[in-house]
Amino acid sequence: MHAARPHSSRPIRSVLKDVRQLHRVEHVGESEWTPLIAIVGLFLFLLSVELLTFGIVEGAFRLLASAA
């Protein structure tokens, strides 16, 4: 039998490295892609806030509905 290998985090590190590079490009502002990077970043931020809010409201609704 083979010993279990720990899960590799290389793909995650690669994605994080790319995101950090995009963040640097956006802050420097010298790229033609800067507005698109900023808009996509804002969209992803607002989407995450919306999903969090939806989850809280849906959870509270289900909790209160089951109590009635």
PDB file of N, CA and C in Angstrom:
ATOM      1  N   MET A   1       0.842  -1.184   0.000  1.00  0.00           N
ATOM      2  CA  MET A   1       0.000   0.000   0.000  1.00  0.00           C
ATOM      3  C   MET A   1       0.884   1.243   0.000  1.00  0.00           C
ATOM      4  N   HIS A   2       0.359   2.267  -0.611  1.00  0.00           N
ATOM      5  CA  HIS A   2       1.076   3.535  -0.663  1.00  0.00           C
ATOM      6  C   HIS A   2       0.662   4.401   0.518  1.00  0.00           C
ATOM      7  N   ALA A   3       1.623   5.139   0.995  1.00  0.00           N
ATOM      8  CA  ALA A   3       1.322   6.070   2.078  1.00  0.00           C
ATOM      9  C   ALA A   3       0.515   7.241   1.508  1.00  0.00           C
ATOM     10  N   ALA A   4      -0.404   7.743   2.284  1.00  0.00           N
ATOM     11  CA  ALA A   4      -1.226   8.867   1.832  1.00  0.00           C
ATOM     12  C   ALA A   4      -0.371  10.117   1.717  1.00  0.00           C
ATOM     13  N   ARG A   5      -0.475  10.751   0.555  1.00  0.00           N
ATOM     14  CA  ARG A   5       0.275  11.990   0.343  1.00  0.00           C
ATOM     15  C   ARG A   5      -0.583  13.170   0.761  1.00  0.00           C
ATOM     16  N   PRO A   6       0.039  14.182   1.345  1.00  0.00           N
ATOM     17  CA  PRO A   6      -0.752  15.366   1.709  1.00  0.00           C
ATOM     18  C   PRO A   6      -1.270  16.055   0.446  1.00  0.00           C
ATOM     19  N   HIS A   7      -2.413  16.688   0.580  1.00  0.00           N
ATOM     20  CA  HIS A   7      -3.043  17.378  -0.547  1.00  0.00           C
ATOM     21  C   HIS A   7      -2.148  18.524  -1.004  1.00  0.00           C
ATOM     22  N   SER A   8      -1.917  18.590  -2.281  1.00  0.00           N
ATOM     23  CA  SER A   8      -1.072  19.636  -2.840  1.00  0.00           C
ATOM     24  C   SER A   8      -1.853  20.943  -2.950  1.00  0.00           C
ATOM     25  N   SER A   9      -1.245  22.041  -2.539  1.00  0.00           N
ATOM     26  CA  SER A   9      -1.902  23.347  -2.616  1.00  0.00           C
ATOM     27  C   SER A   9      -1.304  24.199  -3.728  1.00  0.00           C
ATOM     28  N   ARG A  10      -0.616  23.585  -4.660  1.00  0.00           N
ATOM     29  CA  ARG A  10      -0.010  24.354  -5.749  1.00  0.00           C
ATOM     30  C   ARG A  10      -1.030  25.075  -6.616  1.00  0.00           C
ATOM     31  N   PRO A  11      -2.133  24.446  -7.015  1.00  0.00           N
ATOM     32  CA  PRO A  11      -3.108  25.199  -7.824  1.00  0.00           C
ATOM     33  C   PRO A  11      -3.663  26.411  -7.086  1.00  0.00           C
ATOM     34  N   ILE A  12      -3.907  26.266  -5.801  1.00  0.00           N
ATOM     35  CA  ILE A  12      -4.422  27.385  -5.005  1.00  0.00           C
ATOM     36  C   ILE A  12      -3.380  28.483  -4.924  1.00  0.00           C
ATOM     37  N   ARG A  13      -2.141  28.123  -4.694  1.00  0.00           N
ATOM     38  CA  ARG A  13      -1.072  29.126  -4.636  1.00  0.00           C
ATOM     39  C   ARG A  13      -0.912  29.828  -5.966  1.00  0.00           C
ATOM     40  N   SER A  14      -1.058  29.096  -7.047  1.00  0.00           N
ATOM     41  CA  SER A  14      -0.939  29.687  -8.376  1.00  0.00           C
ATOM     42  C   SER A  14      -2.047  30.711  -8.613  1.00  0.00           C
ATOM     43  N   VAL A  15      -3.265  30.376  -8.217  1.00  0.00           N
ATOM     44  CA  VAL A  15      -4.376  31.306  -8.383  1.00  0.00           C
ATOM     45  C   VAL A  15      -4.160  32.541  -7.519  1.00  0.00           C
ATOM     46  N   LEU A  16      -3.723  32.342  -6.284  1.00  0.00           N
ATOM     47  CA  LEU A  16      -3.474  33.483  -5.403  1.00  0.00           C
ATOM     48  C   LEU A  16      -2.374  34.379  -5.952  1.00  0.00           C
ATOM     49  N   LYS A  17      -1.358  33.777  -6.532  1.00  0.00           N
ATOM     50  CA  LYS A  17      -0.272  34.556  -7.134  1.00  0.00           C
ATOM     51  C   LYS A  17      -0.799  35.400  -8.292  1.00  0.00           C
ATOM     52  N   ASP A  18      -1.666  34.810  -9.127  1.00  0.00           N
ATOM     53  CA  ASP A  18      -2.251  35.543 -10.244  1.00  0.00           C
ATOM     54  C   ASP A  18      -3.142  36.685  -9.761  1.00  0.00           C
ATOM     55  N   VAL A  19      -3.915  36.440  -8.718  1.00  0.00           N
ATOM     56  CA  VAL A  19      -4.792  37.483  -8.174  1.00  0.00           C
ATOM     57  C   VAL A  19      -3.967  38.625  -7.612  1.00  0.00           C
ATOM     58  N   ARG A  20      -2.907  38.306  -6.914  1.00  0.00           N
ATOM     59  CA  ARG A  20      -2.036  39.361  -6.374  1.00  0.00           C
ATOM     60  C   ARG A  20      -1.406  40.182  -7.495  1.00  0.00           C
ATOM     61  N   GLN A  21      -1.016  39.511  -8.585  1.00  0.00           N
ATOM     62  CA  GLN A  21      -0.442  40.223  -9.724  1.00  0.00           C
ATOM     63  C   GLN A  21      -1.477  41.159 -10.353  1.00  0.00           C
ATOM     64  N   LEU A  22      -2.716  40.698 -10.503  1.00  0.00           N
ATOM     65  CA  LEU A  22      -3.774  41.557 -11.034  1.00  0.00           C
ATOM     66  C   LEU A  22      -4.022  42.754 -10.120  1.00  0.00           C
ATOM     67  N   HIS A  23      -3.948  42.529  -8.820  1.00  0.00           N
ATOM     68  CA  HIS A  23      -4.132  43.616  -7.852  1.00  0.00           C
ATOM     69  C   HIS A  23      -3.034  44.671  -8.022  1.00  0.00           C
ATOM     70  N   ARG A  24      -1.792  44.210  -8.215  1.00  0.00           N
ATOM     71  CA  ARG A  24      -0.679  45.148  -8.433  1.00  0.00           C
ATOM     72  C   ARG A  24      -0.870  45.930  -9.732  1.00  0.00           C
ATOM     73  N   VAL A  25      -1.278  45.243 -10.780  1.00  0.00           N
ATOM     74  CA  VAL A  25      -1.501  45.905 -12.068  1.00  0.00           C
ATOM     75  C   VAL A  25      -2.592  46.960 -11.935  1.00  0.00           C
ATOM     76  N   GLU A  26      -3.641  46.638 -11.214  1.00  0.00           N
ATOM     77  CA  GLU A  26      -4.733  47.590 -11.030  1.00  0.00           C
ATOM     78  C   GLU A  26      -4.269  48.826 -10.278  1.00  0.00           C
ATOM     79  N   HIS A  27      -3.496  48.631  -9.215  1.00  0.00           N
ATOM     80  CA  HIS A  27      -3.061  49.765  -8.401  1.00  0.00           C
ATOM     81  C   HIS A  27      -2.053  50.651  -9.114  1.00  0.00           C
ATOM     82  N   VAL A  28      -1.227  50.077  -9.960  1.00  0.00           N
ATOM     83  CA  VAL A  28      -0.284  50.893 -10.716  1.00  0.00           C
ATOM     84  C   VAL A  28      -1.044  51.732 -11.735  1.00  0.00           C
ATOM     85  N   GLY A  29      -2.046  51.136 -12.376  1.00  0.00           N
ATOM     86  CA  GLY A  29      -2.914  51.878 -13.277  1.00  0.00           C
ATOM     87  C   GLY A  29      -2.331  52.153 -14.643  1.00  0.00           C
ATOM     88  N   GLU A  30      -1.267  51.498 -15.012  1.00  0.00           N
ATOM     89  CA  GLU A  30      -0.624  51.759 -16.296  1.00  0.00           C
ATOM     90  C   GLU A  30      -1.085  50.807 -17.395  1.00  0.00           C
ATOM     91  N   SER A  31      -1.888  49.831 -17.065  1.00  0.00           N
ATOM     92  CA  SER A  31      -2.330  48.838 -18.039  1.00  0.00           C
ATOM     93  C   SER A  31      -3.645  49.271 -18.677  1.00  0.00           C
ATOM     94  N   GLU A  32      -3.854  48.851 -19.910  1.00  0.00           N
ATOM     95  CA  GLU A  32      -5.135  49.117 -20.565  1.00  0.00           C
ATOM     96  C   GLU A  32      -6.254  48.279 -19.954  1.00  0.00           C
ATOM     97  N   TRP A  33      -5.893  47.251 -19.184  1.00  0.00           N
ATOM     98  CA  TRP A  33      -6.855  46.354 -18.549  1.00  0.00           C
ATOM     99  C   TRP A  33      -7.295  46.842 -17.169  1.00  0.00           C
ATOM    100  N   THR A  34      -6.718  47.942 -16.684  1.00  0.00           N
ATOM    101  CA  THR A  34      -7.011  48.412 -15.328  1.00  0.00           C
ATOM    102  C   THR A  34      -8.512  48.630 -15.080  1.00  0.00           C
ATOM    103  N   PRO A  35      -9.244  49.301 -15.958  1.00  0.00           N
ATOM    104  CA  PRO A  35     -10.681  49.482 -15.676  1.00  0.00           C
ATOM    105  C   PRO A  35     -11.442  48.161 -15.614  1.00  0.00           C
ATOM    106  N   LEU A  36     -11.123  47.240 -16.495  1.00  0.00           N
ATOM    107  CA  LEU A  36     -11.800  45.950 -16.484  1.00  0.00           C
ATOM    108  C   LEU A  36     -11.482  45.175 -15.204  1.00  0.00           C
ATOM    109  N   ILE A  37     -10.227  45.200 -14.781  1.00  0.00           N
ATOM    110  CA  ILE A  37      -9.842  44.517 -13.546  1.00  0.00           C
ATOM    111  C   ILE A  37     -10.596  45.107 -12.358  1.00  0.00           C
ATOM    112  N   ALA A  38     -10.704  46.435 -12.312  1.00  0.00           N
ATOM    113  CA  ALA A  38     -11.407  47.094 -11.208  1.00  0.00           C
ATOM    114  C   ALA A  38     -12.894  46.751 -11.222  1.00  0.00           C
ATOM    115  N   ILE A  39     -13.508  46.732 -12.392  1.00  0.00           N
ATOM    116  CA  ILE A  39     -14.943  46.434 -12.491  1.00  0.00           C
ATOM    117  C   ILE A  39     -15.215  44.984 -12.083  1.00  0.00           C
ATOM    118  N   VAL A  40     -14.398  44.061 -12.552  1.00  0.00           N
ATOM    119  CA  VAL A  40     -14.586  42.650 -12.198  1.00  0.00           C
ATOM    120  C   VAL A  40     -14.369  42.447 -10.698  1.00  0.00           C
ATOM    121  N   GLY A  41     -13.365  43.106 -10.141  1.00  0.00           N
ATOM    122  CA  GLY A  41     -13.127  43.012  -8.702  1.00  0.00           C
ATOM    123  C   GLY A  41     -14.297  43.545  -7.893  1.00  0.00           C
ATOM    124  N   LEU A  42     -14.848  44.669  -8.319  1.00  0.00           N
ATOM    125  CA  LEU A  42     -16.011  45.240  -7.644  1.00  0.00           C
ATOM    126  C   LEU A  42     -17.215  44.310  -7.758  1.00  0.00           C
ATOM    127  N   PHE A  43     -17.427  43.747  -8.941  1.00  0.00           N
ATOM    128  CA  PHE A  43     -18.536  42.816  -9.145  1.00  0.00           C
ATOM    129  C   PHE A  43     -18.402  41.597  -8.236  1.00  0.00           C
ATOM    130  N   LEU A  44     -17.201  41.029  -8.156  1.00  0.00           N
ATOM    131  CA  LEU A  44     -16.999  39.853  -7.302  1.00  0.00           C
ATOM    132  C   LEU A  44     -17.201  40.189  -5.831  1.00  0.00           C
ATOM    133  N   PHE A  45     -16.760  41.366  -5.417  1.00  0.00           N
ATOM    134  CA  PHE A  45     -16.964  41.789  -4.031  1.00  0.00           C
ATOM    135  C   PHE A  45     -18.452  41.930  -3.721  1.00  0.00           C
ATOM    136  N   LEU A  46     -19.180  42.625  -4.602  1.00  0.00           N
ATOM    137  CA  LEU A  46     -20.615  42.819  -4.370  1.00  0.00           C
ATOM    138  C   LEU A  46     -21.376  41.496  -4.428  1.00  0.00           C
ATOM    139  N   LEU A  47     -20.957  40.598  -5.305  1.00  0.00           N
ATOM    140  CA  LEU A  47     -21.591  39.279  -5.371  1.00  0.00           C
ATOM    141  C   LEU A  47     -21.391  38.507  -4.073  1.00  0.00           C
ATOM    142  N   SER A  48     -20.198  38.576  -3.506  1.00  0.00           N
ATOM    143  CA  SER A  48     -19.955  37.857  -2.250  1.00  0.00           C
ATOM    144  C   SER A  48     -20.773  38.456  -1.107  1.00  0.00           C
ATOM    145  N   VAL A  49     -20.905  39.781  -1.078  1.00  0.00           N
ATOM    146  CA  VAL A  49     -21.735  40.417  -0.051  1.00  0.00           C
ATOM    147  C   VAL A  49     -23.193  40.006  -0.231  1.00  0.00           C
ATOM    148  N   GLU A  50     -23.668  39.975  -1.473  1.00  0.00           N
ATOM    149  CA  GLU A  50     -25.047  39.576  -1.742  1.00  0.00           C
ATOM    150  C   GLU A  50     -25.305  38.130  -1.338  1.00  0.00           C
ATOM    151  N   LEU A  51     -24.378  37.244  -1.634  1.00  0.00           N
ATOM    152  CA  LEU A  51     -24.549  35.833  -1.254  1.00  0.00           C
ATOM    153  C   LEU A  51     -24.545  35.667   0.264  1.00  0.00           C
ATOM    154  N   LEU A  52     -23.693  36.403   0.945  1.00  0.00           N
ATOM    155  CA  LEU A  52     -23.669  36.348   2.403  1.00  0.00           C
ATOM    156  C   LEU A  52     -24.987  36.858   2.981  1.00  0.00           C
ATOM    157  N   THR A  53     -25.471  37.980   2.466  1.00  0.00           N
ATOM    158  CA  THR A  53     -26.733  38.539   2.937  1.00  0.00           C
ATOM    159  C   THR A  53     -27.888  37.581   2.658  1.00  0.00           C
ATOM    160  N   PHE A  54     -27.916  37.012   1.463  1.00  0.00           N
ATOM    161  CA  PHE A  54     -28.969  36.057   1.123  1.00  0.00           C
ATOM    162  C   PHE A  54     -28.933  34.857   2.067  1.00  0.00           C
ATOM    163  N   GLY A  55     -27.739  34.350   2.355  1.00  0.00           N
ATOM    164  CA  GLY A  55     -27.622  33.208   3.257  1.00  0.00           C
ATOM    165  C   GLY A  55     -28.119  33.521   4.657  1.00  0.00           C
ATOM    166  N   ILE A  56     -27.798  34.688   5.154  1.00  0.00           N
ATOM    167  CA  ILE A  56     -28.250  35.076   6.493  1.00  0.00           C
ATOM    168  C   ILE A  56     -29.768  35.225   6.527  1.00  0.00           C
ATOM    169  N   VAL A  57     -30.319  35.914   5.534  1.00  0.00           N
ATOM    170  CA  VAL A  57     -31.773  36.120   5.500  1.00  0.00           C
ATOM    171  C   VAL A  57     -32.503  34.796   5.313  1.00  0.00           C
ATOM    172  N   GLU A  58     -32.024  33.956   4.410  1.00  0.00           N
ATOM    173  CA  GLU A  58     -32.665  32.664   4.175  1.00  0.00           C
ATOM    174  C   GLU A  58     -32.590  31.784   5.426  1.00  0.00           C
ATOM    175  N   GLY A  59     -31.456  31.789   6.092  1.00  0.00           N
ATOM    176  CA  GLY A  59     -31.320  31.012   7.319  1.00  0.00           C
ATOM    177  C   GLY A  59     -32.241  31.508   8.415  1.00  0.00           C
ATOM    178  N   ALA A  60     -32.329  32.825   8.563  1.00  0.00           N
ATOM    179  CA  ALA A  60     -33.227  33.389   9.576  1.00  0.00           C
ATOM    180  C   ALA A  60     -34.680  33.075   9.240  1.00  0.00           C
ATOM    181  N   PHE A  61     -35.037  33.161   7.968  1.00  0.00           N
ATOM    182  CA  PHE A  61     -36.410  32.847   7.559  1.00  0.00           C
ATOM    183  C   PHE A  61     -36.758  31.402   7.872  1.00  0.00           C
ATOM    184  N   ARG A  62     -35.874  30.488   7.533  1.00  0.00           N
ATOM    185  CA  ARG A  62     -36.142  29.063   7.787  1.00  0.00           C
ATOM    186  C   ARG A  62     -36.204  28.784   9.297  1.00  0.00           C
ATOM    187  N   LEU A  63     -35.349  29.433  10.059  1.00  0.00           N
ATOM    188  CA  LEU A  63     -35.352  29.241  11.511  1.00  0.00           C
ATOM    189  C   LEU A  63     -36.667  29.750  12.105  1.00  0.00           C
ATOM    190  N   LEU A  64     -37.093  30.928  11.690  1.00  0.00           N
ATOM    191  CA  LEU A  64     -38.331  31.477  12.220  1.00  0.00           C
ATOM    192  C   LEU A  64     -39.554  30.721  11.702  1.00  0.00           C
ATOM    193  N   ALA A  65     -39.512  30.233  10.475  1.00  0.00           N
ATOM    194  CA  ALA A  65     -40.639  29.489   9.918  1.00  0.00           C
ATOM    195  C   ALA A  65     -40.804  28.144  10.613  1.00  0.00           C
ATOM    196  N   SER A  66     -39.709  27.534  10.997  1.00  0.00           N
ATOM    197  CA  SER A  66     -39.807  26.235  11.682  1.00  0.00           C
ATOM    198  C   SER A  66     -40.264  26.380  13.126  1.00  0.00           C
ATOM    199  N   ALA A  67     -40.119  27.561  13.711  1.00  0.00           N
ATOM    200  CA  ALA A  67     -40.537  27.801  15.078  1.00  0.00           C
ATOM    201  C   ALA A  67     -42.040  28.055  15.170  1.00  0.00           C
ATOM    202  N   ALA A  68     -42.647  28.418  14.070  1.00  0.00           N
ATOM    203  CA  ALA A  68     -44.086  28.785  14.102  1.00  0.00           C
ATOM    204  C   ALA A  68     -44.984  27.603  14.057  1.00  0.00           C
TER     205      ALA A  68
END
